Amino acid sequence: MAALCCPLFAFAQPAAWVPTPTNAAGTLLGTVTVGGAAAQSGDWVAAFDETGVCAGATEVVLNDGASYVSLPIYGDDATTPDVDEGMGGGEAFTLRLWRAATGEILYHPDPEEPAA
């Protein structure tokens, strides 16, 4: 009898871009552009907290030539104080755009640019 094998699933986004959903979340809505041009099909946007934990990730949606995101950003779960699942109160976060076509990751705000 042949052994049964479970299918392997690959994430469309980088492996570290998998958030832990919690009971507290907000949603960031917006358009995504790079150099004035819309993001491309297959691109992903994610929010990371100050310690580098992925607090939310979603694929860019293209509609009529524009690119949009509806990004859930999860908060830390108060019932697990020893686990960092997402954003804590008052914690800063960065957005990252993964360009599927090139594998490039762009940051906002850009850590290479001086703060305004």
C-alpha atoms as a PDB file:
ATOM      1  CA  MET A   1       0.000   0.000   0.000  1.00  0.00           C
ATOM      2  CA  ALA A   2       1.356   3.429  -0.909  1.00  0.00           C
ATOM      3  CA  ALA A   3       2.034   5.842   1.924  1.00  0.00           C
ATOM      4  CA  LEU A   4      -0.214   8.850   2.051  1.00  0.00           C
ATOM      5  CA  CYS A   5       1.509  12.172   2.051  1.00  0.00           C
ATOM      6  CA  CYS A   6       0.214  15.487   3.216  1.00  0.00           C
ATOM      7  CA  PRO A   7       0.428  18.267   0.641  1.00  0.00           C
ATOM      8  CA  LEU A   8       3.021  20.912   1.269  1.00  0.00           C
ATOM      9  CA  PHE A   9       1.807  24.479   1.340  1.00  0.00           C
ATOM     10  CA  ALA A  10       4.031  27.459   0.681  1.00  0.00           C
ATOM     11  CA  PHE A  11       3.166  30.922   1.865  1.00  0.00           C
ATOM     12  CA  ALA A  12       2.839  33.474  -0.907  1.00  0.00           C
ATOM     13  CA  GLN A  13       4.589  36.056   1.288  1.00  0.00           C
ATOM     14  CA  PRO A  14       7.926  35.728   3.118  1.00  0.00           C
ATOM     15  CA  ALA A  15       7.763  33.068   5.851  1.00  0.00           C
ATOM     16  CA  ALA A  16       8.324  35.589   8.683  1.00  0.00           C
ATOM     17  CA  TRP A  17       5.238  37.503   7.527  1.00  0.00           C
ATOM     18  CA  VAL A  18       2.710  35.293   9.318  1.00  0.00           C
ATOM     19  CA  PRO A  19       0.928  37.109  12.147  1.00  0.00           C
ATOM     20  CA  THR A  20      -0.718  35.566  15.189  1.00  0.00           C
ATOM     21  CA  PRO A  21      -4.375  36.645  15.206  1.00  0.00           C
ATOM     22  CA  THR A  22      -5.580  37.849  18.605  1.00  0.00           C
ATOM     23  CA  ASN A  23      -8.789  39.155  20.122  1.00  0.00           C
ATOM     24  CA  ALA A  24      -7.638  42.781  19.652  1.00  0.00           C
ATOM     25  CA  ALA A  25      -7.048  44.316  16.236  1.00  0.00           C
ATOM     26  CA  GLY A  26      -7.365  47.416  14.134  1.00  0.00           C
ATOM     27  CA  THR A  27      -7.467  47.776  10.378  1.00  0.00           C
ATOM     28  CA  LEU A  28      -5.258  49.936   8.180  1.00  0.00           C
ATOM     29  CA  LEU A  29      -6.881  50.857   4.869  1.00  0.00           C
ATOM     30  CA  GLY A  30      -4.891  52.459   2.093  1.00  0.00           C
ATOM     31  CA  THR A  31      -3.436  52.520  -1.359  1.00  0.00           C
ATOM     32  CA  VAL A  32       0.051  51.226  -2.098  1.00  0.00           C
ATOM     33  CA  THR A  33       2.381  53.002  -4.501  1.00  0.00           C
ATOM     34  CA  VAL A  34       6.095  52.770  -5.198  1.00  0.00           C
ATOM     35  CA  GLY A  35       7.619  55.767  -6.917  1.00  0.00           C
ATOM     36  CA  GLY A  36       4.137  56.904  -7.924  1.00  0.00           C
ATOM     37  CA  ALA A  37       3.192  53.567  -9.518  1.00  0.00           C
ATOM     38  CA  ALA A  38       0.703  51.079  -8.101  1.00  0.00           C
ATOM     39  CA  ALA A  39       2.046  47.994  -6.352  1.00  0.00           C
ATOM     40  CA  GLN A  40       1.833  44.823  -8.425  1.00  0.00           C
ATOM     41  CA  SER A  41      -0.176  41.623  -8.310  1.00  0.00           C
ATOM     42  CA  GLY A  42       1.265  39.222  -5.737  1.00  0.00           C
ATOM     43  CA  ASP A  43       2.851  41.967  -3.595  1.00  0.00           C
ATOM     44  CA  TRP A  44       2.240  41.834   0.164  1.00  0.00           C
ATOM     45  CA  VAL A  45       2.135  44.463   2.917  1.00  0.00           C
ATOM     46  CA  ALA A  46       2.864  43.699   6.573  1.00  0.00           C
ATOM     47  CA  ALA A  47       3.055  45.609   9.856  1.00  0.00           C
ATOM     48  CA  PHE A  48       5.864  44.830  12.308  1.00  0.00           C
ATOM     49  CA  ASP A  49       6.124  45.971  15.921  1.00  0.00           C
ATOM     50  CA  GLU A  50       9.248  47.501  17.490  1.00  0.00           C
ATOM     51  CA  THR A  51      10.710  44.062  18.263  1.00  0.00           C
ATOM     52  CA  GLY A  52      10.199  42.739  14.721  1.00  0.00           C
ATOM     53  CA  VAL A  53       7.066  40.671  15.390  1.00  0.00           C
ATOM     54  CA  CYS A  54       4.683  40.501  12.440  1.00  0.00           C
ATOM     55  CA  ALA A  55       1.436  42.068  13.672  1.00  0.00           C
ATOM     56  CA  GLY A  56      -0.477  41.703  10.400  1.00  0.00           C
ATOM     57  CA  ALA A  57       0.016  40.834   6.732  1.00  0.00           C
ATOM     58  CA  THR A  58      -2.136  40.888   3.628  1.00  0.00           C
ATOM     59  CA  GLU A  59      -1.822  40.677  -0.133  1.00  0.00           C
ATOM     60  CA  VAL A  60      -2.237  43.840  -2.186  1.00  0.00           C
ATOM     61  CA  VAL A  61      -5.515  43.966  -4.115  1.00  0.00           C
ATOM     62  CA  LEU A  62      -5.524  45.482  -7.600  1.00  0.00           C
ATOM     63  CA  ASN A  63      -8.633  47.228  -8.869  1.00  0.00           C
ATOM     64  CA  ASP A  64      -8.895  49.384 -11.981  1.00  0.00           C
ATOM     65  CA  GLY A  65      -5.167  50.131 -12.046  1.00  0.00           C
ATOM     66  CA  ALA A  66      -4.877  51.030  -8.346  1.00  0.00           C
ATOM     67  CA  SER A  67      -3.504  48.877  -5.512  1.00  0.00           C
ATOM     68  CA  TYR A  68      -5.240  48.688  -2.146  1.00  0.00           C
ATOM     69  CA  VAL A  69      -4.774  47.019   1.227  1.00  0.00           C
ATOM     70  CA  SER A  70      -7.102  46.244   4.082  1.00  0.00           C
ATOM     71  CA  LEU A  71      -4.482  45.257   6.657  1.00  0.00           C
ATOM     72  CA  PRO A  72      -5.549  43.859  10.036  1.00  0.00           C
ATOM     73  CA  ILE A  73      -2.998  44.803  12.702  1.00  0.00           C
ATOM     74  CA  TYR A  74      -3.255  42.564  15.747  1.00  0.00           C
ATOM     75  CA  GLY A  75      -2.594  43.703  19.281  1.00  0.00           C
ATOM     76  CA  ASP A  76      -0.922  41.764  22.051  1.00  0.00           C
ATOM     77  CA  ASP A  77      -3.258  39.315  23.787  1.00  0.00           C
ATOM     78  CA  ALA A  78      -3.663  40.471  27.396  1.00  0.00           C
ATOM     79  CA  THR A  79      -4.237  36.861  28.531  1.00  0.00           C
ATOM     80  CA  THR A  80      -0.708  35.856  27.442  1.00  0.00           C
ATOM     81  CA  PRO A  81       1.553  38.563  28.912  1.00  0.00           C
ATOM     82  CA  ASP A  82       4.735  36.535  28.312  1.00  0.00           C
ATOM     83  CA  VAL A  83       4.081  36.208  24.550  1.00  0.00           C
ATOM     84  CA  ASP A  84       4.472  39.054  22.053  1.00  0.00           C
ATOM     85  CA  GLU A  85       1.828  38.412  19.387  1.00  0.00           C
ATOM     86  CA  GLY A  86       1.494  41.920  17.984  1.00  0.00           C
ATOM     87  CA  MET A  87       1.271  45.611  18.818  1.00  0.00           C
ATOM     88  CA  GLY A  88       1.382  46.810  22.405  1.00  0.00           C
ATOM     89  CA  GLY A  89      -0.190  50.056  23.562  1.00  0.00           C
ATOM     90  CA  GLY A  90       1.834  53.037  22.354  1.00  0.00           C
ATOM     91  CA  GLU A  91       4.249  50.823  20.412  1.00  0.00           C
ATOM     92  CA  ALA A  92       5.542  52.149  17.094  1.00  0.00           C
ATOM     93  CA  PHE A  93       5.346  49.983  14.001  1.00  0.00           C
ATOM     94  CA  THR A  94       6.760  49.849  10.510  1.00  0.00           C
ATOM     95  CA  LEU A  95       5.116  48.801   7.291  1.00  0.00           C
ATOM     96  CA  ARG A  96       6.935  46.607   4.809  1.00  0.00           C
ATOM     97  CA  LEU A  97       6.103  45.913   1.191  1.00  0.00           C
ATOM     98  CA  TRP A  98       7.309  42.662  -0.344  1.00  0.00           C
ATOM     99  CA  ARG A  99       7.662  42.919  -4.122  1.00  0.00           C
ATOM    100  CA  ALA A 100       6.756  39.458  -5.396  1.00  0.00           C
ATOM    101  CA  ALA A 101       8.395  39.950  -8.776  1.00  0.00           C
ATOM    102  CA  THR A 102      11.822  40.787  -7.325  1.00  0.00           C
ATOM    103  CA  GLY A 103      11.771  39.539  -3.715  1.00  0.00           C
ATOM    104  CA  GLU A 104      12.701  43.078  -2.619  1.00  0.00           C
ATOM    105  CA  ILE A 105      11.368  44.391   0.703  1.00  0.00           C
ATOM    106  CA  LEU A 106      10.666  48.112   1.060  1.00  0.00           C
ATOM    107  CA  TYR A 107      10.226  49.749   4.485  1.00  0.00           C
ATOM    108  CA  HIS A 108       7.984  52.614   5.616  1.00  0.00           C
ATOM    109  CA  PRO A 109       9.253  54.604   7.262  1.00  0.00           C
ATOM    110  CA  ASP A 110      12.550  53.887   5.544  1.00  0.00           C
ATOM    111  CA  PRO A 111      15.228  53.232   8.201  1.00  0.00           C
ATOM    112  CA  GLU A 112      17.837  54.671   5.798  1.00  0.00           C
ATOM    113  CA  GLU A 113      16.101  58.050   5.586  1.00  0.00           C
ATOM    114  CA  PRO A 114      16.405  60.690   8.331  1.00  0.00           C
ATOM    115  CA  ALA A 115      13.197  61.404  10.258  1.00  0.00           C
ATOM    116  CA  ALA A 116      11.360  64.509   9.137  1.00  0.00           C
END
